[in-house]
Amino acid sequence: MANLKSIGRFFIFIVGGLVAIIVGSFMIRGTMHMWDNPDSDKKSDKNND
């Protein structure tokens, strides 16, 4: 039973790490999008209209 618990704990550790990486990448992408948007949105809106 101890071996099964250690395998489960290792699996949860890997899944948690993958989730943390995915969520962190989305947060980094969101903050960079917020930083880039104000100037580029105004320029693209003027060009589109």
C-alpha atoms as a PDB file:
ATOM      1  CA  MET A   1       0.000   0.000   0.000  1.00  0.00           C
ATOM      2  CA  ALA A   2       2.867   2.391   0.691  1.00  0.00           C
ATOM      3  CA  ASN A   3       4.135   1.918  -2.859  1.00  0.00           C
ATOM      4  CA  LEU A   4       0.696   2.734  -4.286  1.00  0.00           C
ATOM      5  CA  LYS A   5       0.486   5.912  -2.203  1.00  0.00           C
ATOM      6  CA  SER A   6       3.923   7.046  -3.353  1.00  0.00           C
ATOM      7  CA  ILE A   7       2.987   6.438  -6.994  1.00  0.00           C
ATOM      8  CA  GLY A   8      -0.240   8.427  -6.532  1.00  0.00           C
ATOM      9  CA  ARG A   9       1.613  11.250  -4.817  1.00  0.00           C
ATOM     10  CA  PHE A  10       4.166  11.343  -7.664  1.00  0.00           C
ATOM     11  CA  PHE A  11       1.362  11.403 -10.262  1.00  0.00           C
ATOM     12  CA  ILE A  12      -0.415  14.261  -8.467  1.00  0.00           C
ATOM     13  CA  PHE A  13       2.908  16.143  -8.259  1.00  0.00           C
ATOM     14  CA  ILE A  14       3.395  15.853 -12.038  1.00  0.00           C
ATOM     15  CA  VAL A  15      -0.206  16.846 -12.846  1.00  0.00           C
ATOM     16  CA  GLY A  16      -0.015  19.807 -10.445  1.00  0.00           C
ATOM     17  CA  GLY A  17       3.231  20.933 -12.041  1.00  0.00           C
ATOM     18  CA  LEU A  18       1.758  20.792 -15.530  1.00  0.00           C
ATOM     19  CA  VAL A  19      -1.314  22.745 -14.420  1.00  0.00           C
ATOM     20  CA  ALA A  20       0.913  25.358 -12.758  1.00  0.00           C
ATOM     21  CA  ILE A  21       2.995  25.733 -15.940  1.00  0.00           C
ATOM     22  CA  ILE A  22      -0.098  26.107 -18.136  1.00  0.00           C
ATOM     23  CA  VAL A  23      -1.773  28.615 -15.815  1.00  0.00           C
ATOM     24  CA  GLY A  24       1.488  30.571 -15.436  1.00  0.00           C
ATOM     25  CA  SER A  25       1.973  30.753 -19.191  1.00  0.00           C
ATOM     26  CA  PHE A  26      -1.553  32.114 -19.634  1.00  0.00           C
ATOM     27  CA  MET A  27      -0.953  34.696 -16.889  1.00  0.00           C
ATOM     28  CA  ILE A  28       2.326  35.800 -18.489  1.00  0.00           C
ATOM     29  CA  ARG A  29       0.646  35.997 -21.898  1.00  0.00           C
ATOM     30  CA  GLY A  30      -2.205  38.043 -20.399  1.00  0.00           C
ATOM     31  CA  THR A  31       0.087  40.553 -18.709  1.00  0.00           C
ATOM     32  CA  MET A  32       2.192  40.967 -21.841  1.00  0.00           C
ATOM     33  CA  HIS A  33      -1.021  41.407 -23.851  1.00  0.00           C
ATOM     34  CA  MET A  34      -2.134  44.119 -21.445  1.00  0.00           C
ATOM     35  CA  TRP A  35       1.239  45.853 -21.736  1.00  0.00           C
ATOM     36  CA  ASP A  36       1.248  45.733 -25.549  1.00  0.00           C
ATOM     37  CA  ASN A  37      -2.403  46.592 -26.191  1.00  0.00           C
ATOM     38  CA  PRO A  38      -2.958  50.314 -25.464  1.00  0.00           C
ATOM     39  CA  ASP A  39      -0.778  51.649 -28.302  1.00  0.00           C
ATOM     40  CA  SER A  40      -1.328  48.843 -30.796  1.00  0.00           C
ATOM     41  CA  ASP A  41      -5.118  48.861 -30.307  1.00  0.00           C
ATOM     42  CA  LYS A  42      -5.381  52.578 -31.009  1.00  0.00           C
ATOM     43  CA  LYS A  43      -3.266  52.235 -34.153  1.00  0.00           C
ATOM     44  CA  SER A  44      -5.138  49.169 -35.431  1.00  0.00           C
ATOM     45  CA  ASP A  45      -8.529  50.793 -34.748  1.00  0.00           C
ATOM     46  CA  LYS A  46      -7.556  53.858 -36.760  1.00  0.00           C
ATOM     47  CA  ASN A  47      -6.288  51.695 -39.629  1.00  0.00           C
ATOM     48  CA  ASN A  48      -9.401  49.494 -39.649  1.00  0.00           C
ATOM     49  CA  ASP A  49     -11.891  52.381 -39.696  1.00  0.00           C
END
